[in-house]
PDB file of all heavy atoms in Angstrom:
ATOM      1  N   ILE A   1      93.252  89.497  91.817  1.00  0.00           N
ATOM      2  CA  ILE A   1      94.228  88.915  90.895  1.00  0.00           C
ATOM      3  C   ILE A   1      95.207  90.002  90.474  1.00  0.00           C
ATOM      4  O   ILE A   1      94.817  91.159  90.275  1.00  0.00           O
ATOM      5  CB  ILE A   1      93.534  88.274  89.667  1.00  0.00           C
ATOM      6  CG1 ILE A   1      94.550  87.511  88.819  1.00  0.00           C
ATOM      7  CG2 ILE A   1      92.780  89.319  88.856  1.00  0.00           C
ATOM      8  CD1 ILE A   1      93.903  86.674  87.708  1.00  0.00           C
ATOM      9  N   SER A   2      96.459  89.624  90.354  1.00  0.00           N
ATOM     10  CA  SER A   2      97.487  90.569  89.907  1.00  0.00           C
ATOM     11  C   SER A   2      98.568  89.788  89.180  1.00  0.00           C
ATOM     12  O   SER A   2      98.606  88.551  89.246  1.00  0.00           O
ATOM     13  CB  SER A   2      98.077  91.346  91.092  1.00  0.00           C
ATOM     14  OG  SER A   2      98.710  90.456  92.002  1.00  0.00           O
ATOM     15  N   ARG A   3      99.422  90.493  88.494  1.00  0.00           N
ATOM     16  CA  ARG A   3     100.499  89.819  87.777  1.00  0.00           C
ATOM     17  C   ARG A   3     101.754  90.669  87.819  1.00  0.00           C
ATOM     18  O   ARG A   3     101.691  91.904  87.885  1.00  0.00           O
ATOM     19  CB  ARG A   3     100.100  89.517  86.333  1.00  0.00           C
ATOM     20  CG  ARG A   3      99.886  90.721  85.454  1.00  0.00           C
ATOM     21  CD  ARG A   3      99.254  90.312  84.117  1.00  0.00           C
ATOM     22  NE  ARG A   3     100.134  89.456  83.337  1.00  0.00           N
ATOM     23  CZ  ARG A   3      99.710  88.693  82.332  1.00  0.00           C
ATOM     24  NH1 ARG A   3      98.412  88.682  81.995  1.00  0.00           N
ATOM     25  NH2 ARG A   3     100.566  87.947  81.647  1.00  0.00           N
ATOM     26  N   ASP A   4     102.881  89.977  87.751  1.00  0.00           N
ATOM     27  CA  ASP A   4     104.186  90.617  87.669  1.00  0.00           C
ATOM     28  C   ASP A   4     104.859  90.049  86.426  1.00  0.00           C
ATOM     29  O   ASP A   4     105.394  88.933  86.440  1.00  0.00           O
ATOM     30  CB  ASP A   4     105.007  90.318  88.935  1.00  0.00           C
ATOM     31  CG  ASP A   4     106.338  91.045  88.958  1.00  0.00           C
ATOM     32  OD1 ASP A   4     106.841  91.425  87.870  1.00  0.00           O
ATOM     33  OD2 ASP A   4     106.894  91.195  90.039  1.00  0.00           O
ATOM     34  N   ASN A   5     104.803  90.799  85.341  1.00  0.00           N
ATOM     35  CA  ASN A   5     105.339  90.288  84.081  1.00  0.00           C
ATOM     36  C   ASN A   5     106.850  90.115  84.122  1.00  0.00           C
ATOM     37  O   ASN A   5     107.413  89.310  83.382  1.00  0.00           O
ATOM     38  CB  ASN A   5     104.916  91.189  82.927  1.00  0.00           C
ATOM     39  CG  ASN A   5     103.443  91.036  82.584  1.00  0.00           C
ATOM     40  OD1 ASN A   5     102.796  90.056  82.981  1.00  0.00           O
ATOM     41  ND2 ASN A   5     102.896  91.999  81.858  1.00  0.00           N
ATOM     42  N   GLY A   6     107.501  90.860  84.991  1.00  0.00           N
ATOM     43  CA  GLY A   6     108.944  90.701  85.132  1.00  0.00           C
ATOM     44  C   GLY A   6     109.333  89.388  85.790  1.00  0.00           C
ATOM     45  O   GLY A   6     110.439  88.892  85.604  1.00  0.00           O
ATOM     46  N   LYS A   7     108.394  88.810  86.558  1.00  0.00           N
ATOM     47  CA  LYS A   7     108.648  87.543  87.251  1.00  0.00           C
ATOM     48  C   LYS A   7     107.859  86.384  86.648  1.00  0.00           C
ATOM     49  O   LYS A   7     107.853  85.279  87.195  1.00  0.00           O
ATOM     50  CB  LYS A   7     108.291  87.680  88.733  1.00  0.00           C
ATOM     51  CG  LYS A   7     109.170  88.664  89.493  1.00  0.00           C
ATOM     52  CD  LYS A   7     108.809  88.698  90.967  1.00  0.00           C
ATOM     53  CE  LYS A   7     109.716  89.649  91.733  1.00  0.00           C
ATOM     54  NZ  LYS A   7     109.380  89.719  93.174  1.00  0.00           N
ATOM     55  N   ASN A   8     107.159  86.649  85.546  1.00  0.00           N
ATOM     56  CA  ASN A   8     106.343  85.608  84.901  1.00  0.00           C
ATOM     57  C   ASN A   8     105.371  84.957  85.886  1.00  0.00           C
ATOM     58  O   ASN A   8     105.153  83.738  85.860  1.00  0.00           O
ATOM     59  CB  ASN A   8     107.234  84.531  84.282  1.00  0.00           C
ATOM     60  CG  ASN A   8     107.959  85.015  83.037  1.00  0.00           C
ATOM     61  OD1 ASN A   8     107.795  86.161  82.619  1.00  0.00           O
ATOM     62  ND2 ASN A   8     108.776  84.152  82.461  1.00  0.00           N
ATOM     63  N   THR A   9     104.786  85.757  86.732  1.00  0.00           N
ATOM     64  CA  THR A   9     103.966  85.235  87.813  1.00  0.00           C
ATOM     65  C   THR A   9     102.626  85.959  87.897  1.00  0.00           C
ATOM     66  O   THR A   9     102.570  87.182  87.759  1.00  0.00           O
ATOM     67  CB  THR A   9     104.700  85.367  89.161  1.00  0.00           C
ATOM     68  OG1 THR A   9     105.958  84.693  89.087  1.00  0.00           O
ATOM     69  CG2 THR A   9     103.892  84.760  90.291  1.00  0.00           C
ATOM     70  N   VAL A  10     101.582  85.182  88.147  1.00  0.00           N
ATOM     71  CA  VAL A  10     100.269  85.729  88.433  1.00  0.00           C
ATOM     72  C   VAL A  10      99.888  85.300  89.842  1.00  0.00           C
ATOM     73  O   VAL A  10     100.231  84.201  90.277  1.00  0.00           O
ATOM     74  CB  VAL A  10      99.223  85.273  87.395  1.00  0.00           C
ATOM     75  CG1 VAL A  10      99.022  83.771  87.411  1.00  0.00           C
ATOM     76  CG2 VAL A  10      97.902  85.980  87.607  1.00  0.00           C
ATOM     77  N   TYR A  11      99.216  86.177  90.552  1.00  0.00           N
ATOM     78  CA  TYR A  11      98.856  85.940  91.943  1.00  0.00           C
ATOM     79  C   TYR A  11      97.344  85.979  92.118  1.00  0.00           C
ATOM     80  O   TYR A  11      96.626  86.632  91.361  1.00  0.00           O
ATOM     81  CB  TYR A  11      99.474  87.009  92.851  1.00  0.00           C
ATOM     82  CG  TYR A  11     100.973  87.124  92.745  1.00  0.00           C
ATOM     83  CD1 TYR A  11     101.559  88.084  91.923  1.00  0.00           C
ATOM     84  CD2 TYR A  11     101.804  86.272  93.468  1.00  0.00           C
ATOM     85  CE1 TYR A  11     102.936  88.198  91.826  1.00  0.00           C
ATOM     86  CE2 TYR A  11     103.180  86.379  93.376  1.00  0.00           C
ATOM     87  CZ  TYR A  11     103.742  87.347  92.553  1.00  0.00           C
ATOM     88  OH  TYR A  11     105.112  87.457  92.461  1.00  0.00           O
ATOM     89  N   LEU A  12      96.896  85.296  93.157  1.00  0.00           N
ATOM     90  CA  LEU A  12      95.507  85.404  93.568  1.00  0.00           C
ATOM     91  C   LEU A  12      95.498  85.580  95.084  1.00  0.00           C
ATOM     92  O   LEU A  12      95.780  84.641  95.833  1.00  0.00           O
ATOM     93  CB  LEU A  12      94.695  84.170  93.184  1.00  0.00           C
ATOM     94  CG  LEU A  12      93.196  84.274  93.469  1.00  0.00           C
ATOM     95  CD1 LEU A  12      92.551  85.331  92.564  1.00  0.00           C
ATOM     96  CD2 LEU A  12      92.507  82.926  93.273  1.00  0.00           C
ATOM     97  N   GLN A  13      95.241  86.802  95.520  1.00  0.00           N
ATOM     98  CA  GLN A  13      95.119  87.090  96.940  1.00  0.00           C
ATOM     99  C   GLN A  13      93.690  86.812  97.361  1.00  0.00           C
ATOM    100  O   GLN A  13      92.752  87.406  96.825  1.00  0.00           O
ATOM    101  CB  GLN A  13      95.475  88.550  97.219  1.00  0.00           C
ATOM    102  CG  GLN A  13      95.317  88.962  98.670  1.00  0.00           C
ATOM    103  CD  GLN A  13      96.307  88.275  99.587  1.00  0.00           C
ATOM    104  OE1 GLN A  13      97.485  88.163  99.258  1.00  0.00           O
ATOM    105  NE2 GLN A  13      95.839  87.798 100.738  1.00  0.00           N
ATOM    106  N   MET A  14      93.530  85.916  98.319  1.00  0.00           N
ATOM    107  CA  MET A  14      92.197  85.492  98.751  1.00  0.00           C
ATOM    108  C   MET A  14      92.005  85.881 100.209  1.00  0.00           C
ATOM    109  O   MET A  14      92.706  85.381 101.092  1.00  0.00           O
ATOM    110  CB  MET A  14      92.051  83.981  98.567  1.00  0.00           C
ATOM    111  CG  MET A  14      92.353  83.507  97.159  1.00  0.00           C
ATOM    112  SD  MET A  14      92.026  81.749  96.912  1.00  0.00           S
ATOM    113  CE  MET A  14      93.231  81.034  98.005  1.00  0.00           C
ATOM    114  N   ASN A  15      91.071  86.767 100.449  1.00  0.00           N
ATOM    115  CA  ASN A  15      90.757  87.232 101.801  1.00  0.00           C
ATOM    116  C   ASN A  15      89.346  86.814 102.189  1.00  0.00           C
ATOM    117  O   ASN A  15      88.541  86.451 101.324  1.00  0.00           O
ATOM    118  CB  ASN A  15      90.890  88.749 101.877  1.00  0.00           C
ATOM    119  CG  ASN A  15      92.283  89.239 101.586  1.00  0.00           C
ATOM    120  OD1 ASN A  15      93.274  88.556 101.848  1.00  0.00           O
ATOM    121  ND2 ASN A  15      92.376  90.444 101.033  1.00  0.00           N
ATOM    122  N   SER A  16      89.064  86.881 103.470  1.00  0.00           N
ATOM    123  CA  SER A  16      87.729  86.545 103.987  1.00  0.00           C
ATOM    124  C   SER A  16      87.244  85.210 103.429  1.00  0.00           C
ATOM    125  O   SER A  16      86.114  85.089 102.946  1.00  0.00           O
ATOM    126  CB  SER A  16      86.728  87.656 103.632  1.00  0.00           C
ATOM    127  OG  SER A  16      87.164  88.900 104.151  1.00  0.00           O
ATOM    128  N   LEU A  17      88.102  84.225 103.510  1.00  0.00           N
ATOM    129  CA  LEU A  17      87.785  82.924 102.918  1.00  0.00           C
ATOM    130  C   LEU A  17      86.606  82.260 103.619  1.00  0.00           C
ATOM    131  O   LEU A  17      86.424  82.402 104.846  1.00  0.00           O
ATOM    132  CB  LEU A  17      89.019  82.019 102.962  1.00  0.00           C
ATOM    133  CG  LEU A  17      90.060  82.341 101.876  1.00  0.00           C
ATOM    134  CD1 LEU A  17      91.409  81.765 102.238  1.00  0.00           C
ATOM    135  CD2 LEU A  17      89.587  81.826 100.524  1.00  0.00           C
ATOM    136  N   LYS A  18      85.837  81.537 102.808  1.00  0.00           N
ATOM    137  CA  LYS A  18      84.655  80.834 103.290  1.00  0.00           C
ATOM    138  C   LYS A  18      84.816  79.339 103.018  1.00  0.00           C
ATOM    139  O   LYS A  18      85.577  78.945 102.136  1.00  0.00           O
ATOM    140  CB  LYS A  18      83.412  81.351 102.570  1.00  0.00           C
ATOM    141  CG  LYS A  18      83.205  82.850 102.660  1.00  0.00           C
ATOM    142  CD  LYS A  18      82.011  83.267 101.808  1.00  0.00           C
ATOM    143  CE  LYS A  18      81.798  84.769 101.845  1.00  0.00           C
ATOM    144  NZ  LYS A  18      80.649  85.187 101.003  1.00  0.00           N
ATOM    145  N   ALA A  19      84.047  78.546 103.715  1.00  0.00           N
ATOM    146  CA  ALA A  19      84.116  77.101 103.501  1.00  0.00           C
ATOM    147  C   ALA A  19      83.824  76.743 102.048  1.00  0.00           C
ATOM    148  O   ALA A  19      84.428  75.817 101.492  1.00  0.00           O
ATOM    149  CB  ALA A  19      83.133  76.395 104.436  1.00  0.00           C
ATOM    150  N   GLU A  20      82.942  77.508 101.420  1.00  0.00           N
ATOM    151  CA  GLU A  20      82.580  77.218 100.025  1.00  0.00           C
ATOM    152  C   GLU A  20      83.671  77.584  99.018  1.00  0.00           C
ATOM    153  O   GLU A  20      83.543  77.308  97.834  1.00  0.00           O
ATOM    154  CB  GLU A  20      81.274  77.918  99.635  1.00  0.00           C
ATOM    155  CG  GLU A  20      81.219  79.386  99.970  1.00  0.00           C
ATOM    156  CD  GLU A  20      80.529  79.650 101.296  1.00  0.00           C
ATOM    157  OE1 GLU A  20      80.799  78.922 102.280  1.00  0.00           O
ATOM    158  OE2 GLU A  20      79.715  80.601 101.357  1.00  0.00           O
ATOM    159  N   ASP A  21      84.748  78.192  99.494  1.00  0.00           N
ATOM    160  CA  ASP A  21      85.909  78.443  98.628  1.00  0.00           C
ATOM    161  C   ASP A  21      86.815  77.219  98.533  1.00  0.00           C
ATOM    162  O   ASP A  21      87.771  77.221  97.747  1.00  0.00           O
ATOM    163  CB  ASP A  21      86.723  79.624  99.149  1.00  0.00           C
ATOM    164  CG  ASP A  21      85.962  80.938  99.076  1.00  0.00           C
ATOM    165  OD1 ASP A  21      85.285  81.179  98.059  1.00  0.00           O
ATOM    166  OD2 ASP A  21      86.058  81.725 100.037  1.00  0.00           O
ATOM    167  N   THR A  22      86.527  76.201  99.311  1.00  0.00           N
ATOM    168  CA  THR A  22      87.334  74.976  99.281  1.00  0.00           C
ATOM    169  C   THR A  22      87.269  74.338  97.903  1.00  0.00           C
ATOM    170  O   THR A  22      86.185  74.068  97.377  1.00  0.00           O
ATOM    171  CB  THR A  22      86.828  73.982 100.340  1.00  0.00           C
ATOM    172  OG1 THR A  22      87.037  74.530 101.641  1.00  0.00           O
ATOM    173  CG2 THR A  22      87.565  72.654 100.232  1.00  0.00           C
ATOM    174  N   ALA A  23      88.437  74.133  97.302  1.00  0.00           N
ATOM    175  CA  ALA A  23      88.518  73.589  95.950  1.00  0.00           C
ATOM    176  C   ALA A  23      89.981  73.425  95.562  1.00  0.00           C
ATOM    177  O   ALA A  23      90.875  73.908  96.264  1.00  0.00           O
ATOM    178  CB  ALA A  23      87.830  74.524  94.957  1.00  0.00           C
ATOM    179  N   VAL A  24      90.182  72.778  94.435  1.00  0.00           N
ATOM    180  CA  VAL A  24      91.493  72.814  93.791  1.00  0.00           C
ATOM    181  C   VAL A  24      91.493  74.022  92.862  1.00  0.00           C
ATOM    182  O   VAL A  24      90.581  74.185  92.052  1.00  0.00           O
ATOM    183  CB  VAL A  24      91.774  71.530  92.998  1.00  0.00           C
ATOM    184  CG1 VAL A  24      93.115  71.637  92.279  1.00  0.00           C
ATOM    185  CG2 VAL A  24      91.759  70.323  93.925  1.00  0.00           C
ATOM    186  N   TYR A  25      92.507  74.854  93.009  1.00  0.00           N
ATOM    187  CA  TYR A  25      92.621  76.074  92.217  1.00  0.00           C
ATOM    188  C   TYR A  25      93.636  75.870  91.101  1.00  0.00           C
ATOM    189  O   TYR A  25      94.759  75.436  91.345  1.00  0.00           O
ATOM    190  CB  TYR A  25      93.023  77.241  93.107  1.00  0.00           C
ATOM    191  CG  TYR A  25      91.864  77.756  93.924  1.00  0.00           C
ATOM    192  CD1 TYR A  25      91.351  77.003  94.983  1.00  0.00           C
ATOM    193  CD2 TYR A  25      91.266  78.984  93.644  1.00  0.00           C
ATOM    194  CE1 TYR A  25      90.274  77.454  95.727  1.00  0.00           C
ATOM    195  CE2 TYR A  25      90.190  79.451  94.380  1.00  0.00           C
ATOM    196  CZ  TYR A  25      89.693  78.672  95.419  1.00  0.00           C
ATOM    197  OH  TYR A  25      88.629  79.127  96.155  1.00  0.00           O
ATOM    198  N   TYR A  26      93.204  76.230  89.882  1.00  0.00           N
ATOM    199  CA  TYR A  26      94.027  76.037  88.704  1.00  0.00           C
ATOM    200  C   TYR A  26      94.370  77.380  88.064  1.00  0.00           C
ATOM    201  O   TYR A  26      93.506  78.245  87.908  1.00  0.00           O
ATOM    202  CB  TYR A  26      93.294  75.195  87.664  1.00  0.00           C
ATOM    203  CG  TYR A  26      92.993  73.790  88.106  1.00  0.00           C
ATOM    204  CD1 TYR A  26      91.794  73.487  88.737  1.00  0.00           C
ATOM    205  CD2 TYR A  26      93.900  72.763  87.891  1.00  0.00           C
ATOM    206  CE1 TYR A  26      91.502  72.199  89.142  1.00  0.00           C
ATOM    207  CE2 TYR A  26      93.622  71.466  88.296  1.00  0.00           C
ATOM    208  CZ  TYR A  26      92.417  71.197  88.924  1.00  0.00           C
ATOM    209  OH  TYR A  26      92.143  69.911  89.328  1.00  0.00           O
ATOM    210  N   CYS A  27      95.589  77.498  87.670  1.00  0.00           N
ATOM    211  CA  CYS A  27      96.067  78.641  86.907  1.00  0.00           C
ATOM    212  C   CYS A  27      95.923  78.305  85.424  1.00  0.00           C
ATOM    213  O   CYS A  27      96.143  77.160  85.019  1.00  0.00           O
ATOM    214  CB  CYS A  27      97.536  78.878  87.275  1.00  0.00           C
ATOM    215  SG  CYS A  27      98.386  80.102  86.309  1.00  0.00           S
ATOM    216  N   ALA A  28      95.571  79.310  84.612  1.00  0.00           N
ATOM    217  CA  ALA A  28      95.399  79.083  83.188  1.00  0.00           C
ATOM    218  C   ALA A  28      95.966  80.247  82.403  1.00  0.00           C
ATOM    219  O   ALA A  28      95.968  81.393  82.873  1.00  0.00           O
ATOM    220  CB  ALA A  28      93.915  78.906  82.855  1.00  0.00           C
ATOM    221  N   SER A  29      96.410  79.942  81.193  1.00  0.00           N
ATOM    222  CA  SER A  29      96.999  80.950  80.321  1.00  0.00           C
ATOM    223  C   SER A  29      96.413  80.801  78.924  1.00  0.00           C
ATOM    224  O   SER A  29      96.135  79.682  78.477  1.00  0.00           O
ATOM    225  CB  SER A  29      98.521  80.751  80.261  1.00  0.00           C
ATOM    226  OG  SER A  29      99.111  81.583  79.288  1.00  0.00           O
ATOM    227  N   GLY A  30      96.224  81.937  78.250  1.00  0.00           N
ATOM    228  CA  GLY A  30      95.694  81.844  76.902  1.00  0.00           C
ATOM    229  C   GLY A  30      95.919  83.119  76.123  1.00  0.00           C
ATOM    230  O   GLY A  30      96.239  84.162  76.700  1.00  0.00           O
ATOM    231  N   PRO A  31      95.739  83.047  74.812  1.00  0.00           N
ATOM    232  CA  PRO A  31      95.854  84.242  73.977  1.00  0.00           C
ATOM    233  C   PRO A  31      94.832  85.280  74.418  1.00  0.00           C
ATOM    234  O   PRO A  31      93.729  84.930  74.837  1.00  0.00           O
ATOM    235  CB  PRO A  31      95.534  83.729  72.573  1.00  0.00           C
ATOM    236  CG  PRO A  31      95.726  82.260  72.630  1.00  0.00           C
ATOM    237  CD  PRO A  31      95.394  81.854  74.027  1.00  0.00           C
TER     238      PRO A  31
END
């Protein structure tokens, strides 16, 4: 996981993916 505060963006780089990683992925923000 990484973020670029200048672009208001958070990233999730996913490598070596497995079948069990299959899902809906949600981004979340909080205090």
